Protein backbone atom coordinates (compact mmCIF):
# COMPACT_ATOMS: atom_id res chain seq x y z
CA UNK A 1 -0.13 -0.11 0.11
CA UNK A 2 1.23 3.52 -0.64
CA UNK A 3 1.61 5.84 2.46
CA UNK A 4 0.58 9.62 1.60
CA UNK A 5 0.23 12.68 4.04
CA UNK A 6 -3.41 13.72 4.55
CA UNK A 7 -4.75 16.91 5.90
CA UNK A 8 -6.45 15.57 9.04
CA UNK A 9 -4.58 12.38 9.63
CA UNK A 10 -0.54 12.07 9.65
CA UNK A 11 -0.62 9.01 7.19
CA UNK A 12 -3.36 7.74 4.72
CA UNK A 13 -2.92 4.20 3.18
CA UNK A 14 -4.18 3.82 -0.45
CA UNK A 15 -4.40 0.41 -2.17
CA UNK A 16 -1.69 -0.32 -4.67
CA UNK A 17 -2.64 1.05 -8.25
CA UNK A 18 -4.46 4.24 -6.91
CA UNK A 19 -3.51 7.22 -9.18
CA UNK A 20 -3.29 10.28 -7.14
CA UNK A 21 -2.79 12.46 -10.34
CA UNK A 22 -2.09 12.04 -14.05
CA UNK A 23 0.85 13.52 -15.99
CA UNK A 24 -0.05 16.70 -17.39
CA UNK A 25 -3.03 17.51 -15.18
CA UNK A 26 -2.51 20.61 -12.93
CA UNK A 27 -5.01 22.35 -10.82
CA UNK A 28 -4.98 25.88 -11.13
CA UNK A 29 -7.02 26.54 -7.66
CA UNK A 30 -5.60 25.64 -4.49
CA UNK A 31 -6.57 22.14 -3.01
CA UNK A 32 -9.23 23.61 -0.66
CA UNK A 33 -10.92 25.80 -3.32
CA UNK A 34 -11.14 23.12 -6.27
CA UNK A 35 -13.99 23.40 -8.51
CA UNK A 36 -15.93 20.27 -10.04
CA UNK A 37 -15.44 19.56 -13.75
CA UNK A 38 -18.83 21.16 -14.80
CA UNK A 39 -18.37 24.30 -12.81
CA UNK A 40 -15.09 25.40 -14.02
CA UNK A 41 -15.55 29.20 -15.10
CA UNK A 42 -11.94 30.20 -16.03
CA UNK A 43 -8.71 28.78 -16.10
CA UNK A 44 -7.39 26.12 -18.52
CA UNK A 45 -9.01 22.76 -18.92
CA UNK A 46 -7.13 19.92 -17.72
CA UNK A 47 -6.22 18.34 -21.25
CA UNK A 48 -5.17 21.84 -22.45
CA UNK A 49 -2.47 22.25 -19.64
CA UNK A 50 1.20 21.57 -20.54
CA UNK A 51 4.18 21.66 -18.12
CA UNK A 52 7.36 23.59 -18.99
CA UNK A 53 9.03 20.08 -19.73
CA UNK A 54 6.30 18.89 -22.12
CA UNK A 55 6.42 22.29 -24.02
CA UNK A 56 10.38 21.90 -23.87
CA UNK A 57 10.20 18.38 -25.38
CA UNK A 58 7.77 19.11 -27.89
CA UNK A 59 9.90 22.12 -29.35
CA UNK A 60 13.39 20.58 -28.73
CA UNK A 61 14.73 22.79 -25.99
CA UNK A 62 15.43 22.41 -22.45
CA UNK A 63 13.04 23.91 -19.90
CA UNK A 64 15.88 26.18 -18.84
CA UNK A 65 15.96 27.63 -22.18
CA UNK A 66 12.23 28.60 -22.03
CA UNK A 67 12.66 30.03 -18.87
CA UNK A 68 15.51 32.17 -20.08
CA UNK A 69 13.54 33.12 -23.19
CA UNK A 70 10.53 34.00 -20.79
CA UNK A 71 12.97 36.28 -18.51
CA UNK A 72 14.59 37.99 -21.49
CA UNK A 73 11.11 38.91 -22.87
CA UNK A 74 11.59 36.92 -26.06
CA UNK A 75 8.26 34.75 -25.11
CA UNK A 76 5.07 35.81 -23.24
CA UNK A 77 4.95 34.42 -19.71
CA UNK A 78 2.56 31.59 -19.14
CA UNK A 79 -0.11 31.41 -16.60
CA UNK A 80 1.23 30.10 -13.25
CA UNK A 81 -1.02 27.61 -10.96
CA UNK A 82 -1.57 27.97 -7.16
CA UNK A 83 1.90 26.50 -6.55
CA UNK A 84 3.59 29.03 -8.92
CA UNK A 85 4.58 26.22 -11.60
CA UNK A 86 4.16 27.24 -15.43
CA UNK A 87 1.11 25.86 -17.07
CA UNK A 88 1.21 26.40 -20.72
CA UNK A 89 -1.85 26.20 -23.12
CA UNK A 90 -1.82 25.02 -26.53
CA UNK A 91 -1.96 28.64 -27.77
CA UNK A 92 1.18 29.33 -25.83
CA UNK A 93 2.91 26.19 -27.39
CA UNK A 94 2.03 27.35 -30.73
CA UNK A 95 3.38 30.88 -30.19
CA UNK A 96 6.65 29.43 -28.88
CA UNK A 97 6.92 27.06 -31.92
CA UNK A 98 6.73 30.11 -34.16
CA UNK A 99 9.33 31.90 -32.38
CA UNK A 100 11.72 29.00 -32.42
CA UNK A 101 11.17 28.53 -36.15
CA UNK A 102 12.06 32.04 -36.40
CA UNK A 103 15.30 31.50 -34.79
CA UNK A 104 16.39 28.31 -37.10
């Protein structure tokens, strides 16, 4: 059994094979303020969210390169989730692809 930390109990046990989060799925809201699937009014849909690593792999650069381009103003900064992690949309990915193609 997997052991995880829960809010109310120091340790919870889950049966093997229980998925806590799928790759590429990120919540923009903090844990206590999550909304249901049908009540999402703003933010990115789960399937449209990409991490910096996923975007970097798609383009063929490193995540550090994307962060540098963002810091230097060469690409538009992406949205951030409640943890401060970069969350890219498909439109962000296309804009970065265009920028990358213009360089090479």
